[in-house]
């Protein structure tokens, strides 16, 4: 079973990302569950969304995940994101600044390149979902694209598909051990 925590900011679409990934997994015949964590979050506050893919599904938040996906690299300077990972967890962070403990992907630049900006904010959620898919193998690129076509409004679909494919290809070319 894959257990994943997405850490983002209110308004970045972490909840949409886990819902889309759960749908992509279901398209492949896998059991999947997307769990948002709602509170008094506002745009810009740190939020969490949970994803499980596998045979055994629990109905609770995830305390320690196999994968921790960080949609805004500044979060790693504000909180200890390692507290959310199991021993040996994989961390994927939207940042230009590489480190030895996480996989860095400049999702912000990819979003800007493809015009994925809403209310002045680069929309990186599906880019980071693609990075997770490429690293984990939990869902295929084909399923991710099919789910995207079902979730994303038509006016944003082409840009999201291009960004997802670009990210998936970039991450697949990384030497990840």
Protein backbone atom coordinates (compact mmCIF):
# COMPACT_ATOMS: atom_id res chain seq x y z
CA UNK A 1 0.00 0.00 0.00
CA UNK A 2 1.15 3.51 -0.81
CA UNK A 3 0.48 6.14 1.85
CA UNK A 4 1.08 9.72 0.73
CA UNK A 5 0.82 13.13 2.35
CA UNK A 6 0.60 16.25 0.22
CA UNK A 7 1.66 19.42 2.03
CA UNK A 8 0.68 22.63 0.35
CA UNK A 9 -0.80 26.01 0.94
CA UNK A 10 -4.50 26.77 1.00
CA UNK A 11 -5.49 27.43 -2.60
CA UNK A 12 -2.72 25.37 -4.22
CA UNK A 13 -4.91 22.36 -4.93
CA UNK A 14 -3.42 19.63 -2.72
CA UNK A 15 -6.90 18.16 -2.25
CA UNK A 16 -7.52 18.13 -6.01
CA UNK A 17 -4.16 16.42 -6.56
CA UNK A 18 -4.95 13.52 -4.21
CA UNK A 19 -8.46 13.17 -5.64
CA UNK A 20 -7.08 13.03 -9.16
CA UNK A 21 -4.43 10.46 -8.21
CA UNK A 22 -7.05 8.32 -6.45
CA UNK A 23 -9.20 8.45 -9.57
CA UNK A 24 -6.21 7.51 -11.76
CA UNK A 25 -5.55 4.51 -9.50
CA UNK A 26 -9.21 3.49 -9.70
CA UNK A 27 -9.01 3.63 -13.50
CA UNK A 28 -6.31 0.94 -13.19
CA UNK A 29 -8.55 -1.21 -10.98
CA UNK A 30 -6.72 -0.32 -7.77
CA UNK A 31 -8.37 0.63 -4.52
CA UNK A 32 -7.67 4.22 -3.61
CA UNK A 33 -8.73 6.81 -1.11
CA UNK A 34 -8.28 10.58 -1.02
CA UNK A 35 -8.76 12.27 2.33
CA UNK A 36 -8.67 16.03 2.71
CA UNK A 37 -7.91 17.62 6.06
CA UNK A 38 -9.99 20.71 6.53
CA UNK A 39 -9.87 23.20 9.33
CA UNK A 40 -9.72 26.94 9.51
CA UNK A 41 -7.27 27.07 6.60
CA UNK A 42 -7.14 30.13 4.46
CA UNK A 43 -5.33 30.90 1.24
CA UNK A 44 -1.63 30.58 1.99
CA UNK A 45 -1.89 28.54 5.22
CA UNK A 46 -0.20 25.11 5.28
CA UNK A 47 -2.70 22.33 4.51
CA UNK A 48 -2.53 18.54 4.27
CA UNK A 49 -4.24 16.05 1.99
CA UNK A 50 -3.84 12.27 2.22
CA UNK A 51 -3.78 9.52 -0.39
CA UNK A 52 -3.83 5.77 -0.01
CA UNK A 53 -3.49 3.34 -2.90
CA UNK A 54 -3.61 -0.37 -2.14
CA UNK A 55 -5.67 -3.28 -0.90
CA UNK A 56 -6.03 -2.30 2.74
CA UNK A 57 -7.76 1.03 3.17
CA UNK A 58 -8.13 2.71 6.51
CA UNK A 59 -10.46 5.62 7.13
CA UNK A 60 -8.17 7.97 9.01
CA UNK A 61 -5.52 10.55 8.38
CA UNK A 62 -2.00 9.36 7.69
CA UNK A 63 0.48 10.01 10.49
CA UNK A 64 3.59 8.70 8.69
CA UNK A 65 3.70 8.34 4.92
CA UNK A 66 5.79 6.49 2.36
CA UNK A 67 5.83 9.66 0.23
CA UNK A 68 5.63 13.28 1.32
CA UNK A 69 4.93 15.73 -1.49
CA UNK A 70 5.61 19.41 -0.76
CA UNK A 71 3.90 21.83 -3.15
CA UNK A 72 5.71 24.92 -1.84
CA UNK A 73 9.42 24.57 -1.06
CA UNK A 74 9.24 27.35 1.54
CA UNK A 75 7.29 24.93 3.75
CA UNK A 76 10.49 22.98 4.49
CA UNK A 77 11.86 26.13 6.13
CA UNK A 78 8.75 26.55 8.27
CA UNK A 79 8.04 23.05 9.55
CA UNK A 80 9.90 19.76 9.88
CA UNK A 81 8.34 17.86 6.97
CA UNK A 82 10.34 14.76 7.92
CA UNK A 83 7.93 14.30 10.83
CA UNK A 84 5.37 13.11 8.26
CA UNK A 85 7.54 10.42 6.66
CA UNK A 86 8.09 6.83 7.65
CA UNK A 87 11.66 5.61 7.94
CA UNK A 88 12.96 5.48 4.38
CA UNK A 89 10.20 7.78 3.07
CA UNK A 90 10.63 9.59 -0.22
CA UNK A 91 10.21 13.37 -0.21
CA UNK A 92 9.42 15.32 -3.38
CA UNK A 93 9.69 19.10 -3.03
CA UNK A 94 8.78 21.92 -5.41
CA UNK A 95 12.03 23.86 -5.27
CA UNK A 96 15.02 24.92 -7.34
CA UNK A 97 17.28 24.10 -4.38
CA UNK A 98 18.33 20.44 -4.33
CA UNK A 99 19.20 18.62 -1.11
CA UNK A 100 20.34 15.10 -0.37
CA UNK A 101 17.16 14.13 1.50
CA UNK A 102 14.55 15.03 -1.12
CA UNK A 103 13.89 14.99 -4.85
CA UNK A 104 13.61 18.54 -6.11
CA UNK A 105 11.42 19.52 -9.03
CA UNK A 106 10.95 23.11 -10.12
CA UNK A 107 7.19 22.80 -10.53
CA UNK A 108 6.75 26.56 -10.26
CA UNK A 109 8.80 27.18 -13.42
CA UNK A 110 6.92 24.43 -15.26
CA UNK A 111 3.57 25.96 -14.23
CA UNK A 112 4.67 29.42 -15.35
CA UNK A 113 5.99 28.05 -18.65
CA UNK A 114 2.58 26.54 -19.41
CA UNK A 115 0.53 29.48 -18.16
CA UNK A 116 -0.86 27.60 -15.16
CA UNK A 117 -1.47 30.61 -12.92
CA UNK A 118 -4.65 31.40 -11.00
CA UNK A 119 -5.09 34.60 -8.97
CA UNK A 120 -1.37 35.27 -9.39
CA UNK A 121 -0.33 31.87 -7.98
CA UNK A 122 1.41 29.19 -10.08
CA UNK A 123 -0.76 26.06 -10.01
CA UNK A 124 1.63 23.18 -9.29
CA UNK A 125 -0.67 20.51 -7.86
CA UNK A 126 -0.94 18.28 -10.94
CA UNK A 127 2.72 18.84 -11.77
CA UNK A 128 3.62 17.47 -8.34
CA UNK A 129 1.10 14.64 -8.78
CA UNK A 130 2.96 13.73 -11.99
CA UNK A 131 6.28 13.81 -10.13
CA UNK A 132 4.85 11.44 -7.51
CA UNK A 133 3.50 9.11 -10.21
CA UNK A 134 6.87 9.04 -11.99
CA UNK A 135 8.84 8.35 -8.81
CA UNK A 136 6.48 5.83 -7.21
CA UNK A 137 4.97 4.00 -10.16
CA UNK A 138 1.72 3.98 -8.17
CA UNK A 139 -0.22 5.11 -11.24
CA UNK A 140 0.72 5.23 -14.90
CA UNK A 141 1.11 8.38 -16.96
CA UNK A 142 -1.77 7.20 -19.15
CA UNK A 143 -4.15 6.88 -16.18
CA UNK A 144 -3.03 10.24 -14.82
CA UNK A 145 -3.75 11.90 -18.18
CA UNK A 146 -7.15 10.22 -18.46
CA UNK A 147 -8.10 11.32 -14.94
CA UNK A 148 -6.87 14.83 -15.72
CA UNK A 149 -9.16 14.99 -18.75
CA UNK A 150 -12.09 14.12 -16.47
CA UNK A 151 -11.16 16.55 -13.66
CA UNK A 152 -9.72 19.66 -15.26
CA UNK A 153 -11.87 22.29 -16.97
CA UNK A 154 -11.37 22.28 -20.74
CA UNK A 155 -9.79 25.74 -20.82
CA UNK A 156 -6.92 24.47 -18.61
CA UNK A 157 -6.70 20.92 -19.95
CA UNK A 158 -4.11 21.30 -22.71
CA UNK A 159 -1.70 23.28 -20.50
CA UNK A 160 -2.06 20.78 -17.64
CA UNK A 161 -1.49 17.82 -19.93
CA UNK A 162 1.66 19.40 -21.37
CA UNK A 163 2.94 20.20 -17.87
CA UNK A 164 2.17 16.69 -16.58
CA UNK A 165 3.93 14.99 -19.51
CA UNK A 166 6.96 17.31 -19.21
CA UNK A 167 7.24 16.69 -15.46
CA UNK A 168 6.80 12.94 -15.78
CA UNK A 169 9.56 12.82 -18.41
CA UNK A 170 11.91 15.03 -16.35
CA UNK A 171 11.44 12.94 -13.21
CA UNK A 172 11.80 9.62 -15.07
CA UNK A 173 15.21 10.80 -16.34
CA UNK A 174 16.47 11.57 -12.82
CA UNK A 175 18.76 9.02 -11.20
CA UNK A 176 16.62 8.13 -8.19
CA UNK A 177 17.90 5.40 -5.93
